[in-house]
Protein backbone atom coordinates (compact mmCIF):
# COMPACT_ATOMS: atom_id res chain seq x y z
CA MET A 1 -94.05 129.11 -25.79
CA ALA A 2 -97.17 127.62 -27.32
CA ILE A 3 -97.54 127.99 -31.05
CA SER A 4 -100.58 130.18 -30.52
CA ASP A 5 -98.48 132.68 -28.52
CA LYS A 6 -96.14 133.13 -31.49
CA ILE A 7 -98.89 134.08 -33.94
CA ILE A 8 -99.08 137.83 -34.48
CA ARG A 9 -101.76 139.89 -36.17
CA SER A 10 -99.76 141.80 -38.75
CA ALA A 11 -100.50 145.45 -39.52
CA THR A 12 -103.65 145.64 -41.65
CA LEU A 13 -105.26 148.88 -42.81
CA GLU A 14 -108.68 149.06 -41.15
CA ASN A 15 -110.18 152.21 -42.75
CA MET A 16 -111.76 153.05 -39.39
CA ALA A 17 -110.73 156.67 -39.02
CA ASP A 18 -112.33 159.86 -40.31
CA GLU A 19 -110.92 162.29 -42.89
CA ASN A 20 -108.96 163.99 -40.07
CA GLY A 21 -107.16 160.77 -39.14
CA ILE A 22 -109.08 160.35 -35.87
CA ILE A 23 -109.99 156.74 -35.22
CA ASN A 24 -113.51 155.47 -34.61
CA VAL A 25 -112.89 154.00 -31.15
CA ALA A 26 -116.04 151.86 -31.08
CA LYS A 27 -115.42 150.25 -34.47
CA LEU A 28 -111.75 149.52 -33.80
CA PHE A 29 -112.55 148.15 -30.35
CA ASP A 30 -115.09 145.75 -31.83
CA LEU A 31 -112.51 144.66 -34.41
CA TYR A 32 -109.54 144.17 -32.10
CA LYS A 33 -111.35 142.53 -29.20
CA ASN A 34 -112.30 139.66 -31.52
CA ILE A 35 -108.86 139.10 -33.05
CA SER A 36 -107.60 136.13 -31.07
CA ALA A 37 -103.86 136.85 -31.42
CA LYS A 38 -102.11 137.82 -28.18
CA THR A 39 -100.07 140.40 -30.12
CA ILE A 40 -101.82 142.86 -32.42
CA ILE A 41 -100.21 145.50 -34.64
CA THR A 42 -102.43 148.33 -35.88
CA GLY A 43 -102.76 149.25 -39.51
CA PHE A 44 -100.18 151.79 -40.67
CA VAL A 45 -100.55 155.18 -38.96
CA TYR A 46 -99.10 158.32 -40.52
CA VAL A 47 -96.46 160.26 -38.58
CA SER A 48 -96.86 163.57 -40.42
CA GLU A 49 -99.44 165.21 -42.65
CA ASN A 50 -97.21 164.90 -45.71
CA GLY A 51 -96.76 161.22 -44.87
CA HIS A 52 -100.46 160.41 -45.35
CA ALA A 53 -101.11 157.55 -47.79
CA MET A 54 -103.71 157.61 -50.57
CA GLN A 55 -106.37 156.04 -48.35
CA GLU A 56 -108.64 158.83 -47.08
CA LEU A 57 -109.52 156.99 -43.86
CA GLN A 58 -105.97 156.19 -42.74
CA ALA A 59 -105.41 156.93 -39.05
CA GLY A 60 -102.83 159.43 -37.83
CA ILE A 61 -100.82 160.12 -34.68
CA VAL A 62 -99.75 163.73 -35.23
CA ASN A 63 -101.93 165.76 -32.86
CA ASP A 64 -103.61 165.67 -29.46
CA GLU A 65 -107.06 164.79 -30.79
CA GLN A 66 -105.74 161.73 -32.61
CA GLU A 67 -103.68 160.72 -29.57
CA PHE A 68 -106.65 161.06 -27.23
CA ALA A 69 -108.76 158.73 -29.38
CA TRP A 70 -105.99 156.13 -29.44
CA LYS A 71 -105.63 156.42 -25.65
CA GLU A 72 -109.34 155.77 -25.18
CA LEU A 73 -109.12 152.71 -27.43
CA VAL A 74 -106.04 151.26 -25.69
CA SER A 75 -107.65 151.73 -22.28
CA LYS A 76 -110.84 149.93 -23.33
CA LEU A 77 -108.94 147.17 -25.07
CA LYS A 78 -106.52 146.52 -22.21
CA ASN A 79 -109.45 146.34 -19.78
CA GLU A 80 -111.07 143.74 -22.01
CA ARG A 81 -107.91 141.77 -22.80
CA LYS A 82 -105.39 141.80 -19.95
CA ASP A 83 -102.79 139.66 -21.76
CA LEU A 84 -102.74 141.68 -24.99
CA THR A 85 -99.52 143.13 -26.41
CA PHE A 86 -100.56 146.09 -28.55
CA LEU A 87 -98.26 147.89 -31.00
CA MET A 88 -98.85 150.80 -33.35
CA GLN A 89 -97.31 150.63 -36.80
CA ILE A 90 -95.95 154.07 -37.69
CA ALA A 91 -95.22 155.02 -41.26
CA HIS A 92 -94.51 157.74 -43.80
CA THR A 93 -95.79 157.09 -47.31
CA GLY A 94 -93.10 159.08 -49.12
CA ARG A 95 -93.72 159.05 -52.88
CA GLN A 96 -96.49 156.43 -52.65
CA THR A 97 -99.50 158.71 -52.44
CA THR A 98 -102.03 160.53 -54.62
CA ARG A 99 -102.24 163.58 -52.41
CA GLY A 100 -100.08 165.94 -54.47
CA ASN A 101 -97.47 166.32 -51.74
CA ALA A 102 -95.33 163.33 -52.65
CA VAL A 103 -91.81 163.47 -51.26
CA GLY A 104 -89.03 160.94 -51.43
CA ALA A 105 -85.39 160.08 -50.99
CA SER A 106 -85.05 161.32 -54.58
CA SER A 107 -87.31 162.54 -57.37
CA VAL A 108 -87.65 159.08 -58.94
CA LYS A 109 -91.33 158.55 -59.71
CA CYS A 110 -93.31 155.48 -58.71
CA SER A 111 -94.63 153.64 -61.77
CA TYR A 112 -97.84 152.85 -59.86
CA PHE A 113 -98.69 156.32 -58.52
CA ARG A 114 -96.97 158.23 -61.36
CA ASN A 115 -97.02 161.58 -59.57
CA LYS A 116 -94.26 164.15 -59.32
CA VAL A 117 -91.91 163.56 -56.37
CA LYS A 118 -90.05 166.26 -54.47
CA THR A 119 -86.62 165.27 -53.18
CA LEU A 120 -86.40 165.82 -49.44
CA SER A 121 -83.74 168.24 -48.27
CA LYS A 122 -81.39 167.20 -45.49
CA GLU A 123 -83.35 169.43 -43.10
CA GLU A 124 -86.65 167.88 -44.17
CA VAL A 125 -85.23 164.38 -43.64
CA GLU A 126 -84.23 165.37 -40.11
CA GLU A 127 -87.73 166.76 -39.50
CA ILE A 128 -89.29 163.44 -40.53
CA ILE A 129 -86.94 161.58 -38.18
CA ASP A 130 -88.33 163.83 -35.46
CA ASN A 131 -91.87 163.05 -36.68
CA PHE A 132 -91.26 159.34 -36.13
CA LYS A 133 -89.92 160.07 -32.65
CA GLU A 134 -92.89 162.25 -31.73
CA ALA A 135 -95.32 159.65 -33.08
CA ALA A 136 -93.70 156.99 -30.89
CA ILE A 137 -93.89 159.27 -27.86
CA ARG A 138 -97.59 159.84 -28.51
CA ALA A 139 -98.15 156.09 -28.92
CA GLN A 140 -96.36 155.47 -25.63
CA ARG A 141 -98.47 158.10 -23.86
CA ALA A 142 -101.59 156.50 -25.34
CA GLY A 143 -100.67 153.23 -23.64
CA PHE A 144 -99.21 151.16 -26.47
CA ASP A 145 -96.60 148.57 -25.58
CA GLY A 146 -94.46 149.62 -28.50
CA VAL A 147 -94.33 150.64 -32.15
CA GLN A 148 -93.52 148.88 -35.36
CA ILE A 149 -91.55 151.10 -37.73
CA HIS A 150 -92.72 150.50 -41.30
CA ALA A 151 -89.62 150.23 -43.48
CA ALA A 152 -91.18 147.93 -46.10
CA HIS A 153 -93.37 147.98 -49.21
CA GLY A 154 -91.87 151.04 -50.88
CA TYR A 155 -92.81 153.57 -48.21
CA LEU A 156 -90.37 156.33 -47.31
CA ILE A 157 -87.81 154.37 -45.28
CA HIS A 158 -87.74 151.71 -47.99
CA GLN A 159 -87.07 154.49 -50.52
CA PHE A 160 -83.87 155.36 -48.64
CA LEU A 161 -82.85 151.69 -48.37
CA SER A 162 -83.24 150.98 -52.08
CA PRO A 163 -80.46 151.96 -54.50
CA TYR A 164 -83.16 152.48 -57.14
CA THR A 165 -84.73 155.41 -55.28
CA ASN A 166 -81.76 156.62 -53.22
CA ASN A 167 -79.40 158.52 -55.50
CA ARG A 168 -78.62 161.19 -52.94
CA LYS A 169 -75.27 162.98 -52.63
CA ASP A 170 -75.49 164.03 -48.97
CA LYS A 171 -74.91 161.83 -45.90
CA TYR A 172 -78.20 160.01 -46.53
CA ALA A 173 -76.61 158.41 -49.58
CA ASN A 174 -75.67 155.92 -46.85
CA GLU A 175 -78.78 153.88 -47.51
CA SER A 176 -79.42 152.65 -43.98
CA LEU A 177 -78.63 155.91 -42.14
CA PHE A 178 -82.19 157.24 -42.24
CA LEU A 179 -83.47 154.02 -40.66
CA GLN A 180 -80.70 154.01 -38.08
CA GLU A 181 -81.45 157.57 -37.01
CA ILE A 182 -85.18 156.88 -36.71
CA VAL A 183 -84.54 153.81 -34.55
CA ASN A 184 -82.02 155.64 -32.38
CA SER A 185 -84.33 158.62 -31.96
CA VAL A 186 -87.31 156.48 -30.93
CA ARG A 187 -85.20 154.38 -28.56
CA SER A 188 -83.70 157.43 -26.87
CA ALA A 189 -87.10 159.08 -26.45
CA CYS A 190 -89.11 156.05 -25.31
CA GLY A 191 -86.61 154.03 -23.27
CA GLU A 192 -85.44 150.44 -23.23
CA ASP A 193 -88.73 148.93 -22.01
CA PHE A 194 -90.74 150.26 -24.95
CA LYS A 195 -90.87 147.72 -27.78
CA ILE A 196 -89.46 148.75 -31.14
CA TRP A 197 -90.26 146.35 -33.95
CA LEU A 198 -89.42 146.78 -37.60
CA LYS A 199 -91.14 145.69 -40.80
CA ILE A 200 -88.85 145.43 -43.79
CA SER A 201 -88.94 144.12 -47.35
CA TYR A 202 -85.96 141.81 -47.75
CA ALA A 203 -85.93 142.58 -51.50
CA ASP A 204 -88.01 144.23 -54.20
CA ASP A 205 -88.33 144.29 -57.97
CA ARG A 206 -86.11 147.36 -58.39
CA GLY A 207 -82.72 146.74 -56.77
CA LEU A 208 -83.03 146.05 -53.05
CA THR A 209 -81.46 142.66 -52.35
CA LEU A 210 -81.40 140.17 -49.51
CA ASP A 211 -77.70 140.73 -48.91
CA LYS A 212 -78.22 144.49 -48.63
CA THR A 213 -81.09 143.98 -46.19
CA ILE A 214 -78.95 141.76 -43.98
CA LYS A 215 -76.28 144.45 -43.97
CA TYR A 216 -78.85 147.10 -43.02
CA LEU A 217 -80.27 144.98 -40.19
CA LYS A 218 -76.82 144.45 -38.71
CA THR A 219 -76.57 148.22 -38.21
CA ILE A 220 -79.53 148.22 -35.79
CA GLU A 221 -78.82 145.05 -33.83
CA GLY A 222 -79.40 145.61 -30.13
CA ARG A 223 -81.74 148.53 -30.76
CA VAL A 224 -84.84 146.80 -32.15
CA ASP A 225 -86.72 143.97 -30.48
CA ALA A 226 -87.97 142.11 -33.55
CA VAL A 227 -88.07 142.35 -37.34
CA GLU A 228 -90.91 141.19 -39.58
CA ILE A 229 -89.71 139.99 -42.99
CA SER A 230 -91.82 140.91 -46.01
CA TYR A 231 -91.19 141.64 -49.71
CA GLY A 232 -91.71 144.23 -52.41
CA THR A 233 -93.14 147.68 -53.05
CA MET A 234 -96.37 149.17 -54.33
CA GLU A 235 -94.94 149.35 -57.86
CA TYR A 236 -96.01 145.71 -58.14
CA ALA A 237 -98.32 145.54 -55.17
CA LEU A 238 -99.48 141.96 -55.70
CA ASN A 239 -95.90 140.78 -55.31
CA ILE A 240 -96.21 141.82 -51.66
CA ILE A 241 -99.28 139.72 -50.92
CA ARG A 242 -99.72 137.42 -53.96
CA GLY A 243 -102.80 135.50 -54.93
CA ASN A 244 -105.68 136.45 -57.21
CA CYS A 245 -105.66 139.65 -59.25
CA PRO A 246 -109.25 141.01 -59.24
CA ALA A 247 -108.52 143.38 -62.12
CA ASP A 248 -112.15 144.33 -62.81
CA ASN A 249 -112.61 145.44 -59.20
CA VAL A 250 -109.37 147.41 -59.27
CA LEU A 251 -110.32 149.27 -62.43
CA ASP A 252 -113.78 150.00 -61.04
CA ILE A 253 -112.93 151.28 -57.56
CA ASN A 254 -109.25 152.26 -57.36
CA PRO A 255 -108.94 156.08 -57.60
CA LEU A 256 -105.76 155.72 -59.66
CA PHE A 257 -107.75 154.00 -62.42
CA ASN A 258 -111.46 154.80 -62.17
CA LYS A 259 -110.87 158.43 -63.12
CA TYR A 260 -110.34 157.30 -66.72
CA PRO A 261 -113.20 156.77 -69.21
CA LYS A 262 -114.58 153.23 -69.41
CA TRP A 263 -113.39 152.81 -73.01
CA VAL A 264 -109.80 153.67 -72.02
CA LEU A 265 -109.89 151.08 -69.25
CA ALA A 266 -111.38 148.51 -71.64
CA LEU A 267 -108.52 149.04 -74.10
CA TRP A 268 -105.94 148.88 -71.30
CA LYS A 269 -107.43 145.62 -70.10
CA ILE A 270 -107.20 144.10 -73.59
CA PHE A 271 -103.78 145.34 -74.72
CA PHE A 272 -101.74 146.07 -71.59
CA ALA A 273 -103.16 144.15 -68.63
CA PRO A 274 -101.87 140.70 -69.69
CA SER A 275 -98.21 141.80 -69.84
CA TYR A 276 -98.56 143.76 -66.59
CA ILE A 277 -100.13 140.86 -64.72
CA LYS A 278 -97.34 138.54 -65.89
CA LYS A 279 -94.97 140.54 -63.67
CA PHE A 280 -96.81 139.38 -60.55
CA LYS A 281 -95.33 136.50 -58.61
CA PRO A 282 -97.64 133.52 -58.05
CA PHE A 283 -98.94 132.65 -54.60
CA THR A 284 -97.03 129.89 -52.86
CA TYR A 285 -97.14 128.86 -49.24
CA ASN A 286 -94.65 130.59 -46.92
CA TYR A 287 -93.14 132.52 -49.81
CA ASN A 288 -90.77 134.68 -47.70
CA TYR A 289 -89.55 131.75 -45.61
CA ASP A 290 -86.19 131.08 -47.29
CA ALA A 291 -85.17 134.73 -47.02
CA ALA A 292 -86.32 134.99 -43.39
CA LEU A 293 -84.35 131.87 -42.48
CA LYS A 294 -81.18 133.26 -44.04
CA ILE A 295 -81.70 136.55 -42.18
CA LYS A 296 -82.27 134.66 -38.93
CA LYS A 297 -78.90 132.94 -39.32
CA GLU A 298 -77.10 136.23 -39.95
CA ILE A 299 -78.49 138.68 -37.39
CA LYS A 300 -79.05 138.86 -33.64
CA ILE A 301 -82.62 140.13 -33.76
CA PRO A 302 -85.73 137.94 -33.33
CA VAL A 303 -87.17 137.30 -36.80
CA PHE A 304 -90.89 137.09 -37.64
CA LEU A 305 -92.17 135.76 -40.95
CA ILE A 306 -95.14 136.92 -43.01
CA GLY A 307 -96.34 135.77 -46.40
CA GLY A 308 -98.49 132.83 -47.44
CA ILE A 309 -98.66 131.20 -44.02
CA ARG A 310 -101.87 129.22 -44.10
CA LYS A 311 -101.27 125.82 -42.42
CA LEU A 312 -100.68 124.79 -38.81
CA GLU A 313 -98.22 122.12 -39.94
CA ASP A 314 -96.18 124.78 -41.75
CA MET A 315 -96.15 126.98 -38.64
CA GLU A 316 -94.78 124.08 -36.59
CA ASN A 317 -91.98 123.54 -39.12
CA ILE A 318 -91.23 127.27 -39.31
CA PHE A 319 -90.75 127.42 -35.53
CA LYS A 320 -88.63 124.27 -35.53
CA SER A 321 -86.30 125.96 -38.02
CA GLY A 322 -85.64 128.81 -35.57
CA ILE A 323 -87.98 131.54 -36.80
CA ASP A 324 -89.36 133.33 -33.73
CA GLY A 325 -92.89 134.17 -34.81
CA VAL A 326 -95.36 134.26 -37.71
CA CYS A 327 -97.43 137.24 -38.74
CA LEU A 328 -100.83 136.83 -40.37
CA CYS A 329 -102.94 139.44 -42.14
CA ARG A 330 -105.59 138.05 -44.49
CA PRO A 331 -106.20 134.88 -42.42
CA PHE A 332 -107.24 137.05 -39.45
CA ILE A 333 -109.60 139.02 -41.68
CA CYS A 334 -111.20 135.75 -42.72
CA GLU A 335 -111.07 134.01 -39.31
CA PRO A 336 -110.41 136.39 -36.40
CA ASP A 337 -110.80 133.49 -33.95
CA LEU A 338 -108.23 131.21 -35.59
CA VAL A 339 -105.89 131.22 -32.56
CA GLU A 340 -108.75 130.07 -30.33
CA LYS A 341 -109.47 127.34 -32.85
CA ILE A 342 -105.81 126.23 -32.77
CA ASN A 343 -105.91 126.00 -28.98
CA GLU A 344 -109.07 123.91 -29.21
CA GLY A 345 -107.59 121.63 -31.89
CA LEU A 346 -110.11 122.84 -34.47
CA TRP A 347 -107.85 124.62 -36.96
CA LYS A 348 -105.42 123.06 -39.44
CA LYS A 349 -105.62 125.38 -42.45
CA SER A 350 -106.86 128.89 -43.16
CA LYS A 351 -110.14 129.40 -44.98
CA CYS A 352 -108.63 132.43 -46.74
CA THR A 353 -108.79 131.95 -50.52
CA ASN A 354 -106.32 134.78 -51.31
CA CYS A 355 -109.00 136.43 -53.44
CA ASN A 356 -107.48 139.80 -52.43
CA LEU A 357 -110.81 141.62 -52.45
CA CYS A 358 -110.08 142.76 -48.88
CA THR A 359 -106.90 144.39 -50.18
CA VAL A 360 -108.50 145.99 -53.21
CA TYR A 361 -111.32 147.50 -51.17
CA CYS A 362 -108.83 149.11 -48.79
CA ASP A 363 -108.53 151.77 -51.51
CA THR A 364 -112.16 152.76 -50.94
CA LYS A 365 -113.85 153.97 -47.76
CA ASN A 366 -114.95 150.44 -46.89
CA SER A 367 -113.89 149.20 -43.48
CA ILE A 368 -111.78 146.06 -43.59
CA LYS A 369 -113.72 142.84 -43.96
CA CYS A 370 -113.63 139.44 -45.65
CA TYR A 371 -115.63 139.45 -48.88
CA GLN A 372 -115.90 135.66 -48.96
CA ARG A 373 -117.02 134.99 -45.38
CA LYS A 374 -120.74 134.37 -45.10
CA ASN A 375 -121.29 135.46 -41.49
């Protein structure tokens, strides 16, 4: 395969739905038709009302009205782009929300969201497994080629995988069982031809390790079609994406912070921000590569890499090492036509500066865009 065929648009929150989780078909169509990747994964879509993230304009896939809008979009997009592979990322936020209905594998609070967390009962866990299945069925009916199950970044499945947040005493103390049952349920409902991809953090800052992740992935070999390797949780969100920390913007617009008086934020910035920011990992190119390569050598699932991939030369070396694909998020926000440029010999390195303003403004009602691009 050509390099350009192995470049995937990773799930990226678009903020192009309304407060009821119904997508704006016209806006998303205009966005996706211009992303030059042959495989596109939607931003994370909630599978149940209590799985809604903090972002007010997150899309859902829990009712007929939401499904109908997705179906209209897929139809328009597939008519425009015959060779497109289109996947929906399905997710449950778990404890990582501000909505007052936070649930989790246990009652352990998130240091970022700081809200009270209700431990899910065994019956509630089983209901959420069914929510993932029903979401996948709706995505399949809407015309998607598959789903990507979001098991990364501290969302609910990650909370079961991590020994820090999973202190259960029932059968789900088996940290990978929740993931296994979701995968099995979706596969049984949607059939062998429907793609099931997985996004997973290979480690985090609280106890999930690479060795544990490899063990978890071995339990679903033969049942998922690809796994995207990421890192971290929202407790230290910049360790997921890395790069600049636009602290002033965060304090001004993030609903977790801007509810406090200006003088409180000013004091926090002086006395606490420096030590907090020191916990963030610096940006380096291809920062999840070593972990992805080790995973690739240990499991029988195609492995995709995300994280700091900015150079064509690096992509070539990543593929030579055996990694099956690369996933890009911020570079496609900055240059949606970068795959076309690669095919024309016009692209060697991303123009993305890792300023992270696109990420910060996801927590507002702004639709996704590059804040550095001039046109």
